Amino acid sequence: MTTYEALHVPNTAVLHVFEQDGGWHWGITTPRAAGSGFKVVAFSKETFPVEAAARSDGDRALRCLSSASGAEVRESAH
């Protein structure tokens, strides 16, 4: 699911994995309830040496978040 597609699915948490400052990070976003755009609801404080490690940790966080909130889980198509 792309970030744009998530705008049209309410209550959808999306995992994003990206490289920044020489390491890998993840962030989880949801569409804003009012207005437009997304809000970051969780992010990694740790820098991961490889993308797979960041994705694995982000997947774990996404599952925990969705279990607690009942949000639908989606992975970004990036």
PDB file of N, CA and C in Angstrom:
ATOM      1  N   MET A   1       0.848  -1.172   0.000  1.00  0.00           N
ATOM      2  CA  MET A   1       0.000   0.000   0.000  1.00  0.00           C
ATOM      3  C   MET A   1       0.890   1.230   0.000  1.00  0.00           C
ATOM      4  N   THR A   2       0.590   2.157  -0.878  1.00  0.00           N
ATOM      5  CA  THR A   2       1.344   3.399  -0.895  1.00  0.00           C
ATOM      6  C   THR A   2       0.817   4.337   0.179  1.00  0.00           C
ATOM      7  N   THR A   3       1.601   5.354   0.498  1.00  0.00           N
ATOM      8  CA  THR A   3       1.169   6.345   1.475  1.00  0.00           C
ATOM      9  C   THR A   3      -0.099   7.028   0.995  1.00  0.00           C
ATOM     10  N   TYR A   4      -0.194   7.320  -0.297  1.00  0.00           N
ATOM     11  CA  TYR A   4      -1.397   7.952  -0.848  1.00  0.00           C
ATOM     12  C   TYR A   4      -2.619   7.060  -0.653  1.00  0.00           C
ATOM     13  N   GLU A   5      -2.478   5.768  -0.914  1.00  0.00           N
ATOM     14  CA  GLU A   5      -3.601   4.843  -0.745  1.00  0.00           C
ATOM     15  C   GLU A   5      -4.069   4.794   0.699  1.00  0.00           C
ATOM     16  N   ALA A   6      -3.155   4.912   1.645  1.00  0.00           N
ATOM     17  CA  ALA A   6      -3.519   4.866   3.061  1.00  0.00           C
ATOM     18  C   ALA A   6      -4.408   6.034   3.457  1.00  0.00           C
ATOM     19  N   LEU A   7      -4.331   7.134   2.724  1.00  0.00           N
ATOM     20  CA  LEU A   7      -5.204   8.276   3.011  1.00  0.00           C
ATOM     21  C   LEU A   7      -6.670   7.902   2.907  1.00  0.00           C
ATOM     22  N   HIS A   8      -6.986   6.931   2.063  1.00  0.00           N
ATOM     23  CA  HIS A   8      -8.365   6.569   1.785  1.00  0.00           C
ATOM     24  C   HIS A   8      -8.838   5.361   2.584  1.00  0.00           C
ATOM     25  N   VAL A   9      -8.022   4.879   3.493  1.00  0.00           N
ATOM     26  CA  VAL A   9      -8.394   3.766   4.361  1.00  0.00           C
ATOM     27  C   VAL A   9      -8.267   4.250   5.796  1.00  0.00           C
ATOM     28  N   PRO A  10      -9.389   4.592   6.432  1.00  0.00           N
ATOM     29  CA  PRO A  10      -9.304   5.140   7.787  1.00  0.00           C
ATOM     30  C   PRO A  10      -8.704   4.142   8.775  1.00  0.00           C
ATOM     31  N   ASN A  11      -8.045   4.667   9.787  1.00  0.00           N
ATOM     32  CA  ASN A  11      -7.492   3.860  10.877  1.00  0.00           C
ATOM     33  C   ASN A  11      -6.461   2.840  10.388  1.00  0.00           C
ATOM     34  N   THR A  12      -5.645   3.220   9.412  1.00  0.00           N
ATOM     35  CA  THR A  12      -4.623   2.334   8.875  1.00  0.00           C
ATOM     36  C   THR A  12      -3.241   2.813   9.302  1.00  0.00           C
ATOM     37  N   ALA A  13      -2.503   1.941   9.967  1.00  0.00           N
ATOM     38  CA  ALA A  13      -1.123   2.242  10.354  1.00  0.00           C
ATOM     39  C   ALA A  13      -0.198   1.695   9.271  1.00  0.00           C
ATOM     40  N   VAL A  14       0.764   2.513   8.835  1.00  0.00           N
ATOM     41  CA  VAL A  14       1.672   2.126   7.751  1.00  0.00           C
ATOM     42  C   VAL A  14       3.111   2.198   8.253  1.00  0.00           C
ATOM     43  N   LEU A  15       3.874   1.132   8.001  1.00  0.00           N
ATOM     44  CA  LEU A  15       5.289   1.078   8.363  1.00  0.00           C
ATOM     45  C   LEU A  15       6.131   1.617   7.213  1.00  0.00           C
ATOM     46  N   HIS A  16       7.062   2.504   7.531  1.00  0.00           N
ATOM     47  CA  HIS A  16       8.014   3.045   6.560  1.00  0.00           C
ATOM     48  C   HIS A  16       9.423   2.725   7.066  1.00  0.00           C
ATOM     49  N   VAL A  17      10.272   2.180   6.203  1.00  0.00           N
ATOM     50  CA  VAL A  17      11.667   1.890   6.543  1.00  0.00           C
ATOM     51  C   VAL A  17      12.534   2.723   5.604  1.00  0.00           C
ATOM     52  N   PHE A  18      13.519   3.413   6.173  1.00  0.00           N
ATOM     53  CA  PHE A  18      14.312   4.337   5.369  1.00  0.00           C
ATOM     54  C   PHE A  18      15.732   4.439   5.905  1.00  0.00           C
ATOM     55  N   GLU A  19      16.653   4.859   5.017  1.00  0.00           N
ATOM     56  CA  GLU A  19      18.047   5.065   5.389  1.00  0.00           C
ATOM     57  C   GLU A  19      18.275   6.552   5.630  1.00  0.00           C
ATOM     58  N   GLN A  20      18.930   6.843   6.737  1.00  0.00           N
ATOM     59  CA  GLN A  20      19.218   8.238   7.092  1.00  0.00           C
ATOM     60  C   GLN A  20      20.455   8.284   7.972  1.00  0.00           C
ATOM     61  N   ASP A  21      21.330   9.232   7.721  1.00  0.00           N
ATOM     62  CA  ASP A  21      22.531   9.436   8.534  1.00  0.00           C
ATOM     63  C   ASP A  21      23.353   8.166   8.710  1.00  0.00           C
ATOM     64  N   GLY A  22      23.478   7.383   7.648  1.00  0.00           N
ATOM     65  CA  GLY A  22      24.337   6.209   7.672  1.00  0.00           C
ATOM     66  C   GLY A  22      23.762   4.975   8.337  1.00  0.00           C
ATOM     67  N   GLY A  23      22.477   4.970   8.626  1.00  0.00           N
ATOM     68  CA  GLY A  23      21.846   3.802   9.236  1.00  0.00           C
ATOM     69  C   GLY A  23      20.395   3.691   8.811  1.00  0.00           C
ATOM     70  N   TRP A  24      19.758   2.614   9.243  1.00  0.00           N
ATOM     71  CA  TRP A  24      18.367   2.344   8.875  1.00  0.00           C
ATOM     72  C   TRP A  24      17.446   2.627  10.051  1.00  0.00           C
ATOM     73  N   HIS A  25      16.283   3.175   9.738  1.00  0.00           N
ATOM     74  CA  HIS A  25      15.288   3.554  10.741  1.00  0.00           C
ATOM     75  C   HIS A  25      13.910   3.134  10.248  1.00  0.00           C
ATOM     76  N   TRP A  26      12.932   3.166  11.145  1.00  0.00           N
ATOM     77  CA  TRP A  26      11.549   2.933  10.745  1.00  0.00           C
ATOM     78  C   TRP A  26      10.652   3.968  11.421  1.00  0.00           C
ATOM     79  N   GLY A  27       9.492   4.173  10.808  1.00  0.00           N
ATOM     80  CA  GLY A  27       8.469   5.041  11.368  1.00  0.00           C
ATOM     81  C   GLY A  27       7.110   4.471  11.012  1.00  0.00           C
ATOM     82  N   ILE A  28       6.125   4.728  11.853  1.00  0.00           N
ATOM     83  CA  ILE A  28       4.758   4.275  11.604  1.00  0.00           C
ATOM     84  C   ILE A  28       3.869   5.508  11.549  1.00  0.00           C
ATOM     85  N   THR A  29       3.068   5.600  10.490  1.00  0.00           N
ATOM     86  CA  THR A  29       2.169   6.740  10.323  1.00  0.00           C
ATOM     87  C   THR A  29       0.723   6.271  10.230  1.00  0.00           C
ATOM     88  N   THR A  30      -0.190   7.198  10.528  1.00  0.00           N
ATOM     89  CA  THR A  30      -1.623   6.994  10.313  1.00  0.00           C
ATOM     90  C   THR A  30      -2.175   8.257   9.660  1.00  0.00           C
ATOM     91  N   PRO A  31      -3.251   8.124   8.885  1.00  0.00           N
ATOM     92  CA  PRO A  31      -3.868   9.327   8.316  1.00  0.00           C
ATOM     93  C   PRO A  31      -4.409  10.208   9.443  1.00  0.00           C
ATOM     94  N   ARG A  32      -4.311  11.514   9.283  1.00  0.00           N
ATOM     95  CA  ARG A  32      -4.868  12.442  10.271  1.00  0.00           C
ATOM     96  C   ARG A  32      -6.389  12.344  10.255  1.00  0.00           C
ATOM     97  N   ALA A  33      -6.995  12.410  11.436  1.00  0.00           N
ATOM     98  CA  ALA A  33      -8.450  12.339  11.548  1.00  0.00           C
ATOM     99  C   ALA A  33      -9.105  13.568  10.926  1.00  0.00           C
ATOM    100  N   ALA A  34      -8.514  14.719  11.134  1.00  0.00           N
ATOM    101  CA  ALA A  34      -9.050  15.962  10.566  1.00  0.00           C
ATOM    102  C   ALA A  34      -7.986  16.589   9.676  1.00  0.00           C
ATOM    103  N   GLY A  35      -8.408  17.206   8.620  1.00  0.00           N
ATOM    104  CA  GLY A  35      -7.441  17.834   7.724  1.00  0.00           C
ATOM    105  C   GLY A  35      -6.855  16.827   6.766  1.00  0.00           C
ATOM    106  N   SER A  36      -5.603  17.033   6.406  1.00  0.00           N
ATOM    107  CA  SER A  36      -4.972  16.136   5.450  1.00  0.00           C
ATOM    108  C   SER A  36      -3.595  15.733   5.946  1.00  0.00           C
ATOM    109  N   GLY A  37      -3.053  14.738   5.309  1.00  0.00           N
ATOM    110  CA  GLY A  37      -1.713  14.287   5.652  1.00  0.00           C
ATOM    111  C   GLY A  37      -1.711  13.158   6.662  1.00  0.00           C
ATOM    112  N   PHE A  38      -0.544  12.941   7.239  1.00  0.00           N
ATOM    113  CA  PHE A  38      -0.332  11.824   8.147  1.00  0.00           C
ATOM    114  C   PHE A  38       0.303  12.320   9.427  1.00  0.00           C
ATOM    115  N   LYS A  39       0.182  11.526  10.477  1.00  0.00           N
ATOM    116  CA  LYS A  39       0.915  11.825  11.701  1.00  0.00           C
ATOM    117  C   LYS A  39       1.780  10.619  12.037  1.00  0.00           C
ATOM    118  N   VAL A  40       2.958  10.885  12.557  1.00  0.00           N
ATOM    119  CA  VAL A  40       3.860   9.824  12.993  1.00  0.00           C
ATOM    120  C   VAL A  40       3.390   9.376  14.369  1.00  0.00           C
ATOM    121  N   VAL A  41       3.104   8.082  14.508  1.00  0.00           N
ATOM    122  CA  VAL A  41       2.623   7.565  15.785  1.00  0.00           C
ATOM    123  C   VAL A  41       3.684   6.751  16.513  1.00  0.00           C
ATOM    124  N   ALA A  42       4.741   6.350  15.804  1.00  0.00           N
ATOM    125  CA  ALA A  42       5.853   5.628  16.432  1.00  0.00           C
ATOM    126  C   ALA A  42       7.060   5.712  15.501  1.00  0.00           C
ATOM    127  N   PHE A  43       8.256   5.656  16.097  1.00  0.00           N
ATOM    128  CA  PHE A  43       9.477   5.687  15.294  1.00  0.00           C
ATOM    129  C   PHE A  43      10.598   5.018  16.071  1.00  0.00           C
ATOM    130  N   SER A  44      11.638   4.608  15.343  1.00  0.00           N
ATOM    131  CA  SER A  44      12.780   3.961  15.989  1.00  0.00           C
ATOM    132  C   SER A  44      13.717   5.017  16.553  1.00  0.00           C
ATOM    133  N   LYS A  45      14.174   4.770  17.755  1.00  0.00           N
ATOM    134  CA  LYS A  45      15.222   5.609  18.338  1.00  0.00           C
ATOM    135  C   LYS A  45      16.589   5.009  18.028  1.00  0.00           C
ATOM    136  N   GLU A  46      16.595   3.709  17.797  1.00  0.00           N
ATOM    137  CA  GLU A  46      17.821   2.978  17.484  1.00  0.00           C
ATOM    138  C   GLU A  46      18.128   3.092  15.993  1.00  0.00           C
ATOM    139  N   THR A  47      19.400   3.151  15.653  1.00  0.00           N
ATOM    140  CA  THR A  47      19.842   3.093  14.259  1.00  0.00           C
ATOM    141  C   THR A  47      20.258   1.659  13.978  1.00  0.00           C
ATOM    142  N   PHE A  48      19.739   1.078  12.906  1.00  0.00           N
ATOM    143  CA  PHE A  48      20.020  -0.310  12.562  1.00  0.00           C
ATOM    144  C   PHE A  48      21.060  -0.361  11.448  1.00  0.00           C
ATOM    145  N   PRO A  49      21.959  -1.355  11.489  1.00  0.00           N
ATOM    146  CA  PRO A  49      23.028  -1.425  10.493  1.00  0.00           C
ATOM    147  C   PRO A  49      22.546  -1.876   9.111  1.00  0.00           C
ATOM    148  N   VAL A  50      21.442  -2.634   9.064  1.00  0.00           N
ATOM    149  CA  VAL A  50      20.920  -3.133   7.786  1.00  0.00           C
ATOM    150  C   VAL A  50      19.408  -2.933   7.733  1.00  0.00           C
ATOM    151  N   GLU A  51      18.891  -2.834   6.517  1.00  0.00           N
ATOM    152  CA  GLU A  51      17.454  -2.607   6.319  1.00  0.00           C
ATOM    153  C   GLU A  51      16.604  -3.713   6.942  1.00  0.00           C
ATOM    154  N   ALA A  52      17.036  -4.963   6.795  1.00  0.00           N
ATOM    155  CA  ALA A  52      16.248  -6.088   7.303  1.00  0.00           C
ATOM    156  C   ALA A  52      16.038  -5.999   8.812  1.00  0.00           C
ATOM    157  N   ALA A  53      17.039  -5.556   9.541  1.00  0.00           N
ATOM    158  CA  ALA A  53      16.914  -5.427  10.998  1.00  0.00           C
ATOM    159  C   ALA A  53      15.921  -4.329  11.359  1.00  0.00           C
ATOM    160  N   ALA A  54      15.971  -3.214  10.642  1.00  0.00           N
ATOM    161  CA  ALA A  54      15.023  -2.124  10.894  1.00  0.00           C
ATOM    162  C   ALA A  54      13.606  -2.573  10.560  1.00  0.00           C
ATOM    163  N   ARG A  55      13.440  -3.282   9.449  1.00  0.00           N
ATOM    164  CA  ARG A  55      12.114  -3.759   9.046  1.00  0.00           C
ATOM    165  C   ARG A  55      11.559  -4.762  10.053  1.00  0.00           C
ATOM    166  N   SER A  56      12.393  -5.650  10.537  1.00  0.00           N
ATOM    167  CA  SER A  56      11.957  -6.637  11.523  1.00  0.00           C
ATOM    168  C   SER A  56      11.486  -5.963  12.808  1.00  0.00           C
ATOM    169  N   ASP A  57      12.261  -5.012  13.297  1.00  0.00           N
ATOM    170  CA  ASP A  57      11.880  -4.297  14.514  1.00  0.00           C
ATOM    171  C   ASP A  57      10.626  -3.452  14.275  1.00  0.00           C
ATOM    172  N   GLY A  58      10.538  -2.809  13.116  1.00  0.00           N
ATOM    173  CA  GLY A  58       9.357  -2.019  12.779  1.00  0.00           C
ATOM    174  C   GLY A  58       8.108  -2.877  12.658  1.00  0.00           C
ATOM    175  N   ASP A  59       8.244  -4.068  12.068  1.00  0.00           N
ATOM    176  CA  ASP A  59       7.112  -5.004  11.979  1.00  0.00           C
ATOM    177  C   ASP A  59       6.613  -5.386  13.364  1.00  0.00           C
ATOM    178  N   ARG A  60       7.548  -5.637  14.280  1.00  0.00           N
ATOM    179  CA  ARG A  60       7.169  -5.984  15.653  1.00  0.00           C
ATOM    180  C   ARG A  60       6.402  -4.838  16.296  1.00  0.00           C
ATOM    181  N   ALA A  61       6.911  -3.628  16.135  1.00  0.00           N
ATOM    182  CA  ALA A  61       6.245  -2.457  16.707  1.00  0.00           C
ATOM    183  C   ALA A  61       4.871  -2.246  16.083  1.00  0.00           C
ATOM    184  N   LEU A  62       4.760  -2.465  14.787  1.00  0.00           N
ATOM    185  CA  LEU A  62       3.485  -2.303  14.094  1.00  0.00           C
ATOM    186  C   LEU A  62       2.454  -3.308  14.600  1.00  0.00           C
ATOM    187  N   ARG A  63       2.873  -4.548  14.803  1.00  0.00           N
ATOM    188  CA  ARG A  63       1.956  -5.561  15.342  1.00  0.00           C
ATOM    189  C   ARG A  63       1.499  -5.194  16.748  1.00  0.00           C
ATOM    190  N   CYS A  64       2.420  -4.730  17.583  1.00  0.00           N
ATOM    191  CA  CYS A  64       2.061  -4.315  18.951  1.00  0.00           C
ATOM    192  C   CYS A  64       1.099  -3.135  18.924  1.00  0.00           C
ATOM    193  N   LEU A  65       1.370  -2.178  18.076  1.00  0.00           N
ATOM    194  CA  LEU A  65       0.519  -0.997  17.961  1.00  0.00           C
ATOM    195  C   LEU A  65      -0.874  -1.370  17.477  1.00  0.00           C
ATOM    196  N   SER A  66      -0.944  -2.217  16.472  1.00  0.00           N
ATOM    197  CA  SER A  66      -2.249  -2.583  15.925  1.00  0.00           C
ATOM    198  C   SER A  66      -3.038  -3.443  16.902  1.00  0.00           C
ATOM    199  N   SER A  67      -2.364  -4.284  17.672  1.00  0.00           N
ATOM    200  CA  SER A  67      -3.048  -5.090  18.686  1.00  0.00           C
ATOM    201  C   SER A  67      -3.653  -4.206  19.763  1.00  0.00           C
ATOM    202  N   ALA A  68      -2.929  -3.171  20.148  1.00  0.00           N
ATOM    203  CA  ALA A  68      -3.392  -2.278  21.208  1.00  0.00           C
ATOM    204  C   ALA A  68      -4.509  -1.355  20.739  1.00  0.00           C
ATOM    205  N   SER A  69      -4.481  -0.951  19.464  1.00  0.00           N
ATOM    206  CA  SER A  69      -5.433   0.059  18.994  1.00  0.00           C
ATOM    207  C   SER A  69      -6.525  -0.485  18.088  1.00  0.00           C
ATOM    208  N   GLY A  70      -6.355  -1.689  17.590  1.00  0.00           N
ATOM    209  CA  GLY A  70      -7.320  -2.238  16.645  1.00  0.00           C
ATOM    210  C   GLY A  70      -7.167  -1.678  15.240  1.00  0.00           C
ATOM    211  N   ALA A  71      -6.063  -0.983  14.979  1.00  0.00           N
ATOM    212  CA  ALA A  71      -5.825  -0.391  13.657  1.00  0.00           C
ATOM    213  C   ALA A  71      -5.489  -1.479  12.650  1.00  0.00           C
ATOM    214  N   GLU A  72      -5.843  -1.240  11.405  1.00  0.00           N
ATOM    215  CA  GLU A  72      -5.452  -2.133  10.331  1.00  0.00           C
ATOM    216  C   GLU A  72      -3.966  -1.938  10.062  1.00  0.00           C
ATOM    217  N   VAL A  73      -3.265  -3.002   9.734  1.00  0.00           N
ATOM    218  CA  VAL A  73      -1.817  -2.951   9.529  1.00  0.00           C
ATOM    219  C   VAL A  73      -1.504  -3.003   8.047  1.00  0.00           C
ATOM    220  N   ARG A  74      -0.647  -2.089   7.590  1.00  0.00           N
ATOM    221  CA  ARG A  74      -0.180  -2.080   6.202  1.00  0.00           C
ATOM    222  C   ARG A  74       1.306  -1.788   6.189  1.00  0.00           C
ATOM    223  N   GLU A  75       1.992  -2.371   5.233  1.00  0.00           N
ATOM    224  CA  GLU A  75       3.408  -2.056   5.024  1.00  0.00           C
ATOM    225  C   GLU A  75       3.511  -1.153   3.815  1.00  0.00           C
ATOM    226  N   SER A  76       4.369  -0.162   3.895  1.00  0.00           N
ATOM    227  CA  SER A  76       4.500   0.769   2.770  1.00  0.00           C
ATOM    228  C   SER A  76       5.060   0.051   1.558  1.00  0.00           C
ATOM    229  N   ALA A  77       4.755   0.578   0.391  1.00  0.00           N
ATOM    230  CA  ALA A  77       5.226  -0.020  -0.858  1.00  0.00           C
ATOM    231  C   ALA A  77       6.531   0.596  -1.320  1.00  0.00           C
ATOM    232  N   HIS A  78       7.238   1.336  -0.468  1.00  0.00           N
ATOM    233  CA  HIS A  78       8.491   2.002  -0.852  1.00  0.00           C
ATOM    234  C   HIS A  78       9.564   0.985  -1.105  1.00  0.00           C
TER     235      HIS A  78
END
